[in-house]
Amino acid sequence: MLIENSSDLIQSVEQGKLASGKQADLAQLINGQVLAISDDALALFGRIEDVADELGNGLHGSVVIPSEFQLSLENGCYLQEHRAGYVGLSSERVLLITLNDIQMFPSKQDALANRNEILRLPLG
């Protein structure tokens, strides 16, 4: 019997809106948290329902993407692909999800070399 195990840290992705009305890709992580990716920010929520809460209940943390690294929609999404802890974004940006943090890099090459980190969002 073959047992299927996945190393993906993202269970599912859906498009949604933040409480501000801004479009975002909502990535459900295997730990139950939700990573919201918009053109100018990353935010971590406790549950999918928390994303639309205008009071910010359930928001665990957020970080602004510097203007020179902001994302553009490609095929209606910011998140283009994911595998294990690797997340390919539009505008050639890359996220690496580790045990403690989510890091953004300008490109795959920078992510592989762990150089030129744009931002870091703690998972804790």
Protein backbone atom coordinates (compact mmCIF):
# COMPACT_ATOMS: atom_id res chain seq x y z
CA MET A 1 0.00 0.00 0.00
CA LEU A 2 1.26 3.44 -0.91
CA ILE A 3 0.76 6.16 1.68
CA GLU A 4 0.61 9.66 0.32
CA ASN A 5 2.39 12.27 2.40
CA SER A 6 2.75 15.85 1.32
CA SER A 7 5.35 18.32 2.46
CA ASP A 8 3.20 21.25 1.29
CA LEU A 9 2.69 23.86 4.00
CA ILE A 10 -0.28 25.35 2.14
CA GLN A 11 -3.46 23.25 2.14
CA SER A 12 -5.57 25.43 -0.13
CA VAL A 13 -5.72 28.85 -1.77
CA GLU A 14 -8.73 31.01 -2.51
CA GLN A 15 -9.32 34.56 -3.63
CA GLY A 16 -11.01 36.87 -1.17
CA LYS A 17 -11.21 40.38 0.16
CA LEU A 18 -9.67 41.95 3.23
CA ALA A 19 -11.79 44.01 5.62
CA SER A 20 -10.58 47.09 3.68
CA GLY A 21 -12.13 45.66 0.50
CA LYS A 22 -8.73 45.03 -1.08
CA GLN A 23 -8.34 41.84 -3.11
CA ALA A 24 -6.11 39.15 -1.59
CA ASP A 25 -5.11 35.55 -2.08
CA LEU A 26 -5.86 33.58 1.08
CA ALA A 27 -3.54 30.63 1.69
CA GLN A 28 -4.72 28.18 4.35
CA LEU A 29 -1.60 26.84 6.09
CA ILE A 30 -1.39 23.34 7.57
CA ASN A 31 -1.29 24.81 11.09
CA GLY A 32 -4.74 26.36 10.53
CA GLN A 33 -3.52 29.93 10.08
CA VAL A 34 -4.31 31.94 6.95
CA LEU A 35 -1.73 33.95 5.02
CA ALA A 36 -3.35 36.86 3.18
CA ILE A 37 -1.33 38.14 0.23
CA SER A 38 -2.28 41.47 -1.33
CA ASP A 39 -0.38 43.76 -3.67
CA ASP A 40 1.21 45.74 -0.85
CA ALA A 41 1.16 43.56 2.28
CA LEU A 42 1.25 40.13 3.88
CA ALA A 43 -0.95 39.38 6.89
CA LEU A 44 -1.31 36.31 9.07
CA PHE A 45 -4.70 35.46 10.56
CA GLY A 46 -5.82 32.78 12.99
CA ARG A 47 -8.77 31.60 10.87
CA ILE A 48 -10.27 32.29 7.47
CA GLU A 49 -13.22 34.10 9.10
CA ASP A 50 -10.82 36.59 10.72
CA VAL A 51 -9.73 38.02 7.36
CA ALA A 52 -12.94 40.05 6.99
CA ASP A 53 -13.10 41.24 10.63
CA GLU A 54 -13.00 45.04 10.54
CA LEU A 55 -11.71 45.20 14.13
CA GLY A 56 -8.69 43.06 13.32
CA ASN A 57 -9.64 40.26 15.70
CA GLY A 58 -7.58 37.23 14.82
CA LEU A 59 -4.81 39.20 13.12
CA HIS A 60 -1.52 37.68 14.26
CA GLY A 61 0.76 40.00 12.33
CA SER A 62 1.24 41.93 9.14
CA VAL A 63 4.01 43.55 7.17
CA VAL A 64 3.99 46.10 4.36
CA ILE A 65 5.70 45.20 1.10
CA PRO A 66 8.02 48.09 0.12
CA SER A 67 6.69 50.00 -2.89
CA GLU A 68 9.50 48.88 -5.21
CA PHE A 69 8.63 45.21 -4.53
CA GLN A 70 4.83 45.35 -4.62
CA LEU A 71 2.95 42.66 -6.51
CA SER A 72 0.88 42.81 -9.69
CA LEU A 73 -2.01 40.51 -10.52
CA GLU A 74 -1.15 37.69 -12.94
CA ASN A 75 -4.07 35.57 -14.14
CA GLY A 76 -6.16 37.23 -11.41
CA CYS A 77 -3.88 36.04 -8.58
CA TYR A 78 -0.81 37.05 -6.60
CA LEU A 79 0.09 33.47 -5.57
CA GLN A 80 1.20 31.60 -8.69
CA GLU A 81 2.53 28.29 -7.33
CA HIS A 82 3.46 26.54 -4.11
CA ARG A 83 5.39 23.44 -3.16
CA ALA A 84 6.54 22.50 0.34
CA GLY A 85 7.66 25.83 1.89
CA TYR A 86 8.23 27.55 -1.47
CA VAL A 87 5.64 30.04 -2.72
CA GLY A 88 6.02 31.63 -6.15
CA LEU A 89 4.31 34.99 -6.39
CA SER A 90 3.56 37.35 -9.25
CA SER A 91 6.21 39.88 -10.25
CA GLU A 92 8.79 37.06 -9.82
CA ARG A 93 8.74 37.45 -6.02
CA VAL A 94 9.19 34.39 -3.79
CA LEU A 95 8.09 33.52 -0.28
CA LEU A 96 9.83 30.91 1.83
CA ILE A 97 7.79 29.55 4.72
CA THR A 98 9.98 28.15 7.49
CA LEU A 99 9.16 26.89 10.97
CA ASN A 100 9.38 30.38 12.46
CA ASP A 101 8.94 32.93 9.68
CA ILE A 102 7.68 33.80 6.24
CA GLN A 103 10.40 35.52 4.21
CA MET A 104 10.02 37.39 0.92
CA PHE A 105 12.76 37.58 -1.69
CA PRO A 106 12.98 39.42 -5.04
CA SER A 107 13.58 36.21 -7.05
CA LYS A 108 14.03 32.44 -6.93
CA GLN A 109 17.80 32.84 -7.10
CA ASP A 110 17.81 35.19 -4.10
CA ALA A 111 15.59 32.82 -2.14
CA LEU A 112 17.84 29.84 -2.89
CA ALA A 113 20.89 31.79 -1.77
CA ASN A 114 19.01 33.35 1.19
CA ARG A 115 20.13 36.84 0.14
CA ASN A 116 18.42 40.19 -0.41
CA GLU A 117 15.51 39.42 1.92
CA ILE A 118 12.75 42.00 1.40
CA LEU A 119 10.72 41.28 4.52
CA ARG A 120 10.01 38.78 7.27
CA LEU A 121 6.72 37.93 8.97
CA PRO A 122 6.95 35.83 12.17
CA LEU A 123 4.67 32.78 12.34
CA GLY A 124 4.56 32.77 16.14
